């Protein structure tokens, strides 16, 4: 997929739609070392914090990607055209512990422009992030008790904030 660099102030995205309907691949690790993992995510956000553009993602401790998020300092978020939905379904339902799910999904990891974590050739959007903060969700802080229904095993997410250091995407993602 042909992507062009996008300045942070020119980045345009329908945030709820891309997270809820489009999904991302969250990838963490080191492409050059061949040590990375990816998972499909549909919870997260983009914003501004501490005068830095950020992406926020959540990962449960039981996920294999959690180990990579803990070990490495960078991650990427990649969005794909609708024709890759089956690949994202597979990458969200299989563990990288059990084999090469990326090859099985038919996607092509590639070096990112700045961070060690890879992006994907087929992606129409690649957001490169450097971790700046994490926080574990604390159920005692849930104001809406309905949120607890997301945690029947009490496996509360860890929230990661990454400073956006590079964005590349197709025309639909920039003004």
N, C-alpha and C. Protein backbone atom coordinates (compact mmCIF):
# COMPACT_ATOMS: atom_id res chain seq x y z
N UNK A 1 0.85 -1.18 0.00
CA UNK A 1 0.00 0.00 0.00
C UNK A 1 0.90 1.24 0.00
N UNK A 2 0.52 2.21 -0.78
CA UNK A 2 1.29 3.46 -0.82
C UNK A 2 0.78 4.37 0.28
N UNK A 3 1.71 4.73 1.16
CA UNK A 3 1.41 5.66 2.24
C UNK A 3 2.38 6.83 2.14
N UNK A 4 1.87 8.01 2.48
CA UNK A 4 2.69 9.21 2.50
C UNK A 4 2.83 9.67 3.95
N UNK A 5 3.97 10.27 4.30
CA UNK A 5 4.10 10.83 5.65
C UNK A 5 3.01 11.87 5.90
N UNK A 6 2.53 11.90 7.13
CA UNK A 6 1.49 12.85 7.52
C UNK A 6 1.98 13.61 8.75
N UNK A 7 1.99 14.92 8.67
CA UNK A 7 2.33 15.74 9.83
C UNK A 7 1.23 15.58 10.87
N UNK A 8 1.59 15.60 12.14
CA UNK A 8 0.62 15.37 13.20
C UNK A 8 -0.55 16.35 13.11
N UNK A 9 -0.29 17.59 12.78
CA UNK A 9 -1.36 18.59 12.69
C UNK A 9 -2.24 18.41 11.45
N UNK A 10 -1.81 17.56 10.51
CA UNK A 10 -2.61 17.27 9.32
C UNK A 10 -3.30 15.91 9.41
N UNK A 11 -3.06 15.18 10.49
CA UNK A 11 -3.65 13.85 10.68
C UNK A 11 -5.15 13.99 10.92
N UNK A 12 -5.92 13.28 10.11
CA UNK A 12 -7.38 13.34 10.21
C UNK A 12 -7.90 11.91 10.31
N UNK A 13 -8.72 11.67 11.32
CA UNK A 13 -9.27 10.34 11.50
C UNK A 13 -10.63 10.45 12.18
N UNK A 14 -11.56 9.59 11.80
CA UNK A 14 -12.83 9.46 12.51
C UNK A 14 -12.56 8.49 13.65
N UNK A 15 -12.22 9.04 14.81
CA UNK A 15 -11.66 8.25 15.90
C UNK A 15 -12.56 7.09 16.34
N UNK A 16 -13.79 7.34 16.63
CA UNK A 16 -14.65 6.22 17.09
C UNK A 16 -14.81 5.18 16.00
N UNK A 17 -14.98 5.61 14.78
CA UNK A 17 -15.16 4.67 13.68
C UNK A 17 -13.93 3.79 13.48
N UNK A 18 -12.76 4.39 13.45
CA UNK A 18 -11.56 3.61 13.16
C UNK A 18 -11.25 2.61 14.27
N UNK A 19 -11.54 2.97 15.52
CA UNK A 19 -11.31 2.04 16.62
C UNK A 19 -12.40 0.98 16.67
N UNK A 20 -13.64 1.41 16.62
CA UNK A 20 -14.76 0.50 16.83
C UNK A 20 -15.11 -0.33 15.61
N UNK A 21 -15.08 0.27 14.45
CA UNK A 21 -15.49 -0.43 13.22
C UNK A 21 -14.32 -0.89 12.38
N UNK A 22 -13.21 -0.15 12.42
CA UNK A 22 -12.10 -0.47 11.54
C UNK A 22 -11.05 -1.38 12.15
N UNK A 23 -10.80 -1.22 13.42
CA UNK A 23 -9.79 -1.96 14.16
C UNK A 23 -8.38 -1.57 13.73
N UNK A 24 -7.43 -1.91 14.58
CA UNK A 24 -6.01 -1.71 14.32
C UNK A 24 -5.27 -3.00 14.63
N UNK A 25 -4.09 -3.12 14.06
CA UNK A 25 -3.11 -4.09 14.55
C UNK A 25 -2.16 -3.31 15.44
N UNK A 26 -2.06 -3.73 16.68
CA UNK A 26 -1.08 -3.21 17.62
C UNK A 26 0.12 -4.15 17.54
N UNK A 27 1.28 -3.60 17.22
CA UNK A 27 2.48 -4.42 17.06
C UNK A 27 3.59 -3.84 17.91
N UNK A 28 4.27 -4.71 18.64
CA UNK A 28 5.34 -4.29 19.51
C UNK A 28 6.49 -5.28 19.38
N UNK A 29 7.70 -4.78 19.54
CA UNK A 29 8.88 -5.62 19.46
C UNK A 29 9.96 -4.94 18.64
N UNK A 30 10.82 -5.74 18.04
CA UNK A 30 11.95 -5.23 17.27
C UNK A 30 12.00 -5.95 15.93
N UNK A 31 11.65 -5.23 14.87
CA UNK A 31 11.61 -5.82 13.54
C UNK A 31 12.98 -6.34 13.12
N UNK A 32 14.03 -5.55 13.34
CA UNK A 32 15.39 -5.94 12.91
C UNK A 32 15.84 -7.23 13.59
N UNK A 33 15.44 -7.43 14.83
CA UNK A 33 15.80 -8.64 15.56
C UNK A 33 14.86 -9.80 15.25
N UNK A 34 13.78 -9.53 14.54
CA UNK A 34 12.81 -10.57 14.23
C UNK A 34 12.01 -11.02 15.45
N UNK A 35 11.91 -10.15 16.45
CA UNK A 35 11.21 -10.49 17.69
C UNK A 35 10.08 -9.48 17.92
N UNK A 36 8.89 -9.85 17.52
CA UNK A 36 7.74 -8.96 17.66
C UNK A 36 6.46 -9.79 17.63
N UNK A 37 5.39 -9.16 18.06
CA UNK A 37 4.08 -9.79 18.02
C UNK A 37 3.04 -8.72 17.73
N UNK A 38 1.90 -9.18 17.24
CA UNK A 38 0.82 -8.26 16.90
C UNK A 38 -0.50 -8.82 17.39
N UNK A 39 -1.44 -7.94 17.62
CA UNK A 39 -2.80 -8.34 17.97
C UNK A 39 -3.77 -7.27 17.48
N UNK A 40 -4.97 -7.70 17.20
CA UNK A 40 -6.01 -6.78 16.79
C UNK A 40 -6.57 -6.07 18.01
N UNK A 41 -6.74 -4.76 17.90
CA UNK A 41 -7.31 -3.96 18.99
C UNK A 41 -8.44 -3.09 18.45
N UNK A 42 -9.45 -2.91 19.30
CA UNK A 42 -10.55 -2.03 18.93
C UNK A 42 -10.89 -1.05 20.05
N UNK A 43 -10.08 -1.04 21.09
CA UNK A 43 -10.23 -0.07 22.18
C UNK A 43 -8.98 0.79 22.20
N UNK A 44 -9.17 2.10 22.23
CA UNK A 44 -8.03 3.01 22.29
C UNK A 44 -8.46 4.42 21.97
N UNK A 45 -7.48 5.29 21.84
CA UNK A 45 -7.79 6.68 21.54
C UNK A 45 -6.56 7.40 20.99
N UNK A 46 -6.82 8.56 20.42
CA UNK A 46 -5.77 9.50 20.00
C UNK A 46 -6.06 10.80 20.73
N UNK A 47 -5.01 11.56 21.03
CA UNK A 47 -5.25 12.83 21.69
C UNK A 47 -3.97 13.60 21.93
N UNK A 48 -4.04 14.48 22.93
CA UNK A 48 -2.93 15.35 23.29
C UNK A 48 -2.79 15.30 24.81
N UNK A 49 -1.60 14.97 25.29
CA UNK A 49 -1.34 14.88 26.72
C UNK A 49 0.09 15.33 26.96
N UNK A 50 0.29 16.17 27.96
CA UNK A 50 1.61 16.71 28.26
C UNK A 50 2.21 17.40 27.03
N UNK A 51 1.33 18.03 26.27
CA UNK A 51 1.70 18.74 25.04
C UNK A 51 2.35 17.81 24.01
N UNK A 52 1.96 16.54 24.04
CA UNK A 52 2.47 15.56 23.08
C UNK A 52 1.28 14.86 22.41
N UNK A 53 1.35 14.65 21.12
CA UNK A 53 0.31 13.85 20.47
C UNK A 53 0.48 12.40 20.92
N UNK A 54 -0.63 11.72 21.24
CA UNK A 54 -0.49 10.36 21.74
C UNK A 54 -1.53 9.43 21.13
N UNK A 55 -1.20 8.16 21.20
CA UNK A 55 -2.15 7.07 20.98
C UNK A 55 -2.19 6.28 22.28
N UNK A 56 -3.37 5.87 22.66
CA UNK A 56 -3.56 5.10 23.89
C UNK A 56 -4.16 3.75 23.51
N UNK A 57 -3.57 2.68 24.04
CA UNK A 57 -4.05 1.33 23.79
C UNK A 57 -4.17 0.58 25.12
N UNK A 58 -4.95 -0.48 25.13
CA UNK A 58 -5.10 -1.30 26.32
C UNK A 58 -4.83 -2.75 25.97
N UNK A 59 -4.11 -3.44 26.87
CA UNK A 59 -3.75 -4.83 26.63
C UNK A 59 -3.94 -5.61 27.94
N UNK A 60 -4.60 -6.74 27.85
CA UNK A 60 -4.79 -7.61 29.02
C UNK A 60 -3.49 -8.34 29.32
N UNK A 61 -3.19 -8.56 30.58
CA UNK A 61 -1.93 -9.25 30.96
C UNK A 61 -1.78 -10.65 30.38
N UNK A 62 -2.86 -11.33 30.06
CA UNK A 62 -2.76 -12.68 29.53
C UNK A 62 -2.41 -12.76 28.06
N UNK A 63 -2.44 -11.63 27.37
CA UNK A 63 -2.13 -11.64 25.94
C UNK A 63 -0.63 -11.72 25.71
N UNK A 64 -0.23 -12.44 24.68
CA UNK A 64 1.20 -12.57 24.35
C UNK A 64 1.80 -11.20 24.03
N UNK A 65 1.05 -10.34 23.39
CA UNK A 65 1.54 -9.00 23.05
C UNK A 65 1.89 -8.21 24.30
N UNK A 66 1.23 -8.50 25.41
CA UNK A 66 1.54 -7.82 26.68
C UNK A 66 3.03 -7.97 27.02
N UNK A 67 3.58 -9.16 26.84
CA UNK A 67 5.00 -9.39 27.12
C UNK A 67 5.88 -8.47 26.28
N UNK A 68 5.50 -8.25 25.05
CA UNK A 68 6.27 -7.37 24.16
C UNK A 68 6.10 -5.91 24.56
N UNK A 69 4.87 -5.54 24.94
CA UNK A 69 4.63 -4.16 25.38
C UNK A 69 5.44 -3.86 26.64
N UNK A 70 5.61 -4.83 27.49
CA UNK A 70 6.40 -4.63 28.71
C UNK A 70 7.90 -4.55 28.41
N UNK A 71 8.35 -5.28 27.42
CA UNK A 71 9.79 -5.39 27.15
C UNK A 71 10.32 -4.26 26.25
N UNK A 72 9.52 -3.81 25.30
CA UNK A 72 10.00 -2.87 24.28
C UNK A 72 9.39 -1.48 24.47
N UNK A 73 10.10 -0.49 24.00
CA UNK A 73 9.70 0.90 24.21
C UNK A 73 8.88 1.54 23.11
N UNK A 74 8.62 0.79 22.03
CA UNK A 74 7.85 1.38 20.93
C UNK A 74 6.77 0.41 20.48
N UNK A 75 5.77 0.98 19.81
CA UNK A 75 4.72 0.16 19.20
C UNK A 75 4.15 0.89 17.99
N UNK A 76 3.46 0.14 17.16
CA UNK A 76 2.78 0.73 16.01
C UNK A 76 1.31 0.35 16.04
N UNK A 77 0.51 1.19 15.42
CA UNK A 77 -0.90 0.91 15.16
C UNK A 77 -1.11 1.01 13.66
N UNK A 78 -1.59 -0.05 13.05
CA UNK A 78 -1.82 -0.07 11.61
C UNK A 78 -3.28 -0.34 11.31
N UNK A 79 -3.85 0.46 10.42
CA UNK A 79 -5.23 0.28 9.95
C UNK A 79 -5.18 -0.24 8.52
N UNK A 80 -6.19 -1.02 8.16
CA UNK A 80 -6.21 -1.72 6.88
C UNK A 80 -7.51 -1.50 6.13
N UNK A 81 -7.46 -1.64 4.81
CA UNK A 81 -8.71 -1.63 4.04
C UNK A 81 -9.60 -2.81 4.46
N UNK A 82 -10.88 -2.71 4.19
CA UNK A 82 -11.86 -3.72 4.61
C UNK A 82 -11.54 -5.12 4.11
N UNK A 83 -10.85 -5.24 2.98
CA UNK A 83 -10.57 -6.57 2.44
C UNK A 83 -9.63 -7.40 3.34
N UNK A 84 -9.02 -6.77 4.34
CA UNK A 84 -8.13 -7.48 5.26
C UNK A 84 -8.82 -7.84 6.58
N UNK A 85 -10.14 -7.71 6.65
CA UNK A 85 -10.86 -7.97 7.88
C UNK A 85 -10.65 -9.40 8.39
N UNK A 86 -10.63 -10.39 7.49
CA UNK A 86 -10.40 -11.78 7.91
C UNK A 86 -9.02 -11.94 8.55
N UNK A 87 -8.03 -11.26 8.00
CA UNK A 87 -6.68 -11.32 8.56
C UNK A 87 -6.68 -10.73 9.97
N UNK A 88 -7.37 -9.60 10.16
CA UNK A 88 -7.44 -8.99 11.48
C UNK A 88 -8.23 -9.86 12.46
N UNK A 89 -9.27 -10.51 11.97
CA UNK A 89 -10.00 -11.47 12.82
C UNK A 89 -9.07 -12.57 13.32
N UNK A 90 -8.29 -13.14 12.42
CA UNK A 90 -7.36 -14.20 12.79
C UNK A 90 -6.33 -13.68 13.79
N UNK A 91 -5.77 -12.51 13.54
CA UNK A 91 -4.72 -11.97 14.40
C UNK A 91 -5.25 -11.55 15.77
N UNK A 92 -6.54 -11.37 15.89
CA UNK A 92 -7.13 -11.06 17.18
C UNK A 92 -7.59 -12.28 17.95
N UNK A 93 -7.68 -13.42 17.26
CA UNK A 93 -8.21 -14.62 17.92
C UNK A 93 -7.16 -15.70 18.16
N UNK A 94 -6.02 -15.62 17.50
CA UNK A 94 -4.95 -16.60 17.68
C UNK A 94 -3.80 -15.96 18.44
N UNK A 95 -3.08 -16.77 19.17
CA UNK A 95 -1.92 -16.28 19.89
C UNK A 95 -0.65 -16.50 19.08
N UNK A 96 0.24 -15.53 19.13
CA UNK A 96 1.56 -15.67 18.52
C UNK A 96 2.43 -16.68 19.24
N UNK A 97 2.04 -17.08 20.44
CA UNK A 97 2.77 -18.13 21.16
C UNK A 97 2.68 -19.47 20.43
N UNK A 98 1.60 -19.65 19.68
CA UNK A 98 1.29 -20.95 19.09
C UNK A 98 1.80 -21.12 17.67
N UNK A 99 2.46 -20.14 17.11
CA UNK A 99 2.95 -20.24 15.74
C UNK A 99 3.01 -18.88 15.07
N UNK A 100 3.29 -18.90 13.79
CA UNK A 100 3.45 -17.67 13.02
C UNK A 100 2.10 -17.21 12.47
N UNK A 101 1.32 -16.58 13.32
CA UNK A 101 -0.01 -16.15 12.92
C UNK A 101 0.04 -15.03 11.87
N UNK A 102 1.12 -14.26 11.85
CA UNK A 102 1.23 -13.19 10.85
C UNK A 102 1.33 -13.79 9.45
N UNK A 103 2.18 -14.80 9.29
CA UNK A 103 2.30 -15.48 7.99
C UNK A 103 0.97 -16.13 7.62
N UNK A 104 0.30 -16.74 8.59
CA UNK A 104 -0.98 -17.38 8.34
C UNK A 104 -2.02 -16.37 7.87
N UNK A 105 -1.94 -15.15 8.40
CA UNK A 105 -2.88 -14.09 8.00
C UNK A 105 -2.54 -13.51 6.63
N UNK A 106 -1.35 -13.79 6.13
CA UNK A 106 -0.96 -13.30 4.81
C UNK A 106 -0.51 -11.86 4.78
N UNK A 107 -0.08 -11.32 5.91
CA UNK A 107 0.39 -9.93 5.95
C UNK A 107 1.91 -9.88 5.94
N UNK A 108 2.44 -8.72 5.55
CA UNK A 108 3.87 -8.54 5.37
C UNK A 108 4.42 -7.50 6.33
N UNK A 109 5.09 -7.93 7.41
CA UNK A 109 5.72 -6.95 8.30
C UNK A 109 6.86 -6.25 7.58
N UNK A 110 7.07 -4.99 7.94
CA UNK A 110 8.17 -4.22 7.35
C UNK A 110 8.70 -3.25 8.39
N UNK A 111 9.91 -2.78 8.16
CA UNK A 111 10.51 -1.80 9.07
C UNK A 111 9.68 -0.52 9.07
N UNK A 112 9.50 0.03 10.23
CA UNK A 112 8.84 1.33 10.36
C UNK A 112 9.87 2.42 10.07
N UNK A 113 9.42 3.67 9.98
CA UNK A 113 10.34 4.74 9.61
C UNK A 113 11.21 5.21 10.77
N UNK A 114 10.68 5.14 12.01
CA UNK A 114 11.42 5.65 13.16
C UNK A 114 11.57 4.60 14.26
N UNK A 115 10.49 3.92 14.60
CA UNK A 115 10.50 3.01 15.75
C UNK A 115 10.97 1.61 15.38
N UNK A 116 11.36 0.84 16.39
CA UNK A 116 11.82 -0.53 16.17
C UNK A 116 10.68 -1.48 15.83
N UNK A 117 9.49 -1.22 16.37
CA UNK A 117 8.34 -2.09 16.09
C UNK A 117 7.97 -1.99 14.61
N UNK A 118 7.61 -3.12 13.99
CA UNK A 118 7.26 -3.08 12.57
C UNK A 118 5.87 -2.51 12.31
N UNK A 119 5.69 -2.12 11.05
CA UNK A 119 4.37 -1.82 10.53
C UNK A 119 4.10 -2.89 9.46
N UNK A 120 3.05 -2.71 8.67
CA UNK A 120 2.69 -3.71 7.68
C UNK A 120 2.54 -3.09 6.30
N UNK A 121 3.09 -3.76 5.31
CA UNK A 121 3.05 -3.29 3.93
C UNK A 121 1.61 -3.02 3.47
N UNK A 122 0.68 -3.87 3.84
CA UNK A 122 -0.70 -3.78 3.37
C UNK A 122 -1.52 -2.69 4.07
N UNK A 123 -1.00 -2.11 5.12
CA UNK A 123 -1.75 -1.12 5.90
C UNK A 123 -1.94 0.18 5.13
N UNK A 124 -3.11 0.80 5.33
CA UNK A 124 -3.36 2.10 4.73
C UNK A 124 -2.99 3.23 5.68
N UNK A 125 -2.72 2.89 6.94
CA UNK A 125 -2.31 3.86 7.95
C UNK A 125 -1.35 3.17 8.90
N UNK A 126 -0.23 3.83 9.19
CA UNK A 126 0.73 3.34 10.18
C UNK A 126 1.06 4.48 11.13
N UNK A 127 0.79 4.28 12.41
CA UNK A 127 1.06 5.27 13.45
C UNK A 127 2.17 4.69 14.32
N UNK A 128 3.30 5.39 14.39
CA UNK A 128 4.46 4.92 15.15
C UNK A 128 4.53 5.66 16.48
N UNK A 129 4.70 4.89 17.56
CA UNK A 129 4.64 5.46 18.91
C UNK A 129 5.81 5.02 19.77
N UNK A 130 6.20 5.94 20.66
CA UNK A 130 7.20 5.65 21.70
C UNK A 130 6.46 5.72 23.03
N UNK A 131 6.52 4.63 23.82
CA UNK A 131 5.80 4.60 25.08
C UNK A 131 6.27 5.73 26.01
N UNK A 132 5.26 6.39 26.66
CA UNK A 132 5.59 7.45 27.61
C UNK A 132 4.94 7.25 28.98
N UNK A 133 3.95 6.32 29.07
CA UNK A 133 3.26 6.14 30.34
C UNK A 133 2.45 4.86 30.26
N UNK A 134 2.25 4.23 31.43
CA UNK A 134 1.31 3.12 31.53
C UNK A 134 0.61 3.20 32.87
N UNK A 135 -0.55 2.58 32.93
CA UNK A 135 -1.35 2.57 34.16
C UNK A 135 -2.25 1.35 34.10
N UNK A 136 -2.34 0.61 35.20
CA UNK A 136 -3.27 -0.51 35.27
C UNK A 136 -4.66 0.00 35.61
N UNK A 137 -5.68 -0.53 34.93
CA UNK A 137 -7.04 -0.18 35.29
C UNK A 137 -7.35 -0.71 36.68
N UNK A 138 -7.99 0.12 37.46
CA UNK A 138 -8.35 -0.22 38.83
C UNK A 138 -9.88 -0.28 38.90
N UNK A 139 -10.45 -1.47 39.12
CA UNK A 139 -11.91 -1.58 39.11
C UNK A 139 -12.60 -0.75 40.19
N UNK A 140 -11.89 -0.38 41.23
CA UNK A 140 -12.51 0.47 42.25
C UNK A 140 -12.78 1.88 41.72
N UNK A 141 -12.23 2.20 40.56
CA UNK A 141 -12.43 3.52 39.96
C UNK A 141 -13.51 3.51 38.88
N UNK A 142 -14.11 2.36 38.58
CA UNK A 142 -15.18 2.31 37.59
C UNK A 142 -16.40 2.99 38.18
N UNK A 143 -16.78 4.10 37.60
CA UNK A 143 -17.95 4.84 38.05
C UNK A 143 -19.22 4.14 37.56
N UNK A 144 -19.16 3.59 36.37
CA UNK A 144 -20.29 2.86 35.79
C UNK A 144 -20.09 1.38 36.09
N UNK A 145 -20.91 0.79 36.95
CA UNK A 145 -20.72 -0.62 37.32
C UNK A 145 -20.86 -1.59 36.15
N UNK A 146 -21.49 -1.17 35.07
CA UNK A 146 -21.65 -2.03 33.89
C UNK A 146 -20.29 -2.37 33.27
N UNK A 147 -19.28 -1.56 33.50
CA UNK A 147 -17.96 -1.81 32.95
C UNK A 147 -17.41 -3.15 33.46
N UNK A 148 -17.76 -3.52 34.67
CA UNK A 148 -17.27 -4.78 35.25
C UNK A 148 -17.64 -6.00 34.40
N UNK A 149 -18.70 -5.91 33.62
CA UNK A 149 -19.11 -7.03 32.77
C UNK A 149 -18.03 -7.38 31.74
N UNK A 150 -17.12 -6.46 31.46
CA UNK A 150 -16.01 -6.72 30.54
C UNK A 150 -14.90 -7.54 31.18
N UNK A 151 -15.01 -7.80 32.48
CA UNK A 151 -13.92 -8.44 33.22
C UNK A 151 -14.41 -9.60 34.09
N UNK A 152 -15.05 -10.60 33.51
CA UNK A 152 -15.52 -11.72 34.33
C UNK A 152 -14.38 -12.49 35.00
N UNK A 153 -13.17 -12.44 34.41
CA UNK A 153 -11.99 -13.11 34.99
C UNK A 153 -11.10 -12.15 35.78
N UNK A 154 -11.58 -10.93 35.95
CA UNK A 154 -10.83 -9.90 36.67
C UNK A 154 -9.43 -9.68 36.09
N UNK A 155 -9.33 -9.79 34.77
CA UNK A 155 -8.07 -9.59 34.06
C UNK A 155 -8.05 -8.18 33.45
N UNK A 156 -7.90 -7.21 34.32
CA UNK A 156 -8.00 -5.80 33.94
C UNK A 156 -6.85 -5.38 33.04
N UNK A 157 -7.19 -4.57 32.06
CA UNK A 157 -6.20 -4.10 31.08
C UNK A 157 -5.12 -3.22 31.72
N UNK A 158 -3.98 -3.23 31.07
CA UNK A 158 -2.96 -2.21 31.31
C UNK A 158 -3.11 -1.20 30.18
N UNK A 159 -3.12 0.07 30.53
CA UNK A 159 -3.26 1.15 29.56
C UNK A 159 -1.86 1.69 29.24
N UNK A 160 -1.56 1.78 27.96
CA UNK A 160 -0.27 2.32 27.50
C UNK A 160 -0.53 3.59 26.69
N UNK A 161 0.26 4.60 26.97
CA UNK A 161 0.23 5.83 26.18
C UNK A 161 1.53 5.91 25.40
N UNK A 162 1.41 6.15 24.12
CA UNK A 162 2.59 6.30 23.29
C UNK A 162 2.59 7.64 22.59
N UNK A 163 3.71 8.34 22.69
CA UNK A 163 3.83 9.58 21.94
C UNK A 163 3.92 9.24 20.46
N UNK A 164 3.09 9.85 19.65
CA UNK A 164 3.13 9.62 18.21
C UNK A 164 4.35 10.32 17.66
N UNK A 165 5.25 9.55 17.04
CA UNK A 165 6.49 10.11 16.50
C UNK A 165 6.51 10.10 14.97
N UNK A 166 5.62 9.35 14.35
CA UNK A 166 5.51 9.35 12.89
C UNK A 166 4.17 8.78 12.48
N UNK A 167 3.63 9.32 11.40
CA UNK A 167 2.38 8.82 10.82
C UNK A 167 2.58 8.77 9.31
N UNK A 168 2.11 7.71 8.71
CA UNK A 168 2.07 7.62 7.25
C UNK A 168 0.73 6.98 6.87
N UNK A 169 0.11 7.52 5.84
CA UNK A 169 -1.19 6.97 5.47
C UNK A 169 -1.60 7.37 4.08
N UNK A 170 -2.72 6.79 3.66
CA UNK A 170 -3.31 7.13 2.37
C UNK A 170 -4.00 8.49 2.50
N UNK A 171 -4.48 9.01 1.39
CA UNK A 171 -5.06 10.35 1.34
C UNK A 171 -6.19 10.58 2.34
N UNK A 172 -6.95 9.55 2.66
CA UNK A 172 -8.09 9.75 3.56
C UNK A 172 -7.70 10.15 4.97
N UNK A 173 -6.41 10.02 5.33
CA UNK A 173 -5.98 10.30 6.68
C UNK A 173 -5.28 11.65 6.85
N UNK A 174 -5.25 12.45 5.83
CA UNK A 174 -4.65 13.79 6.02
C UNK A 174 -5.46 14.85 5.32
N UNK A 175 -5.35 16.05 5.91
CA UNK A 175 -6.11 17.19 5.37
C UNK A 175 -5.38 17.83 4.23
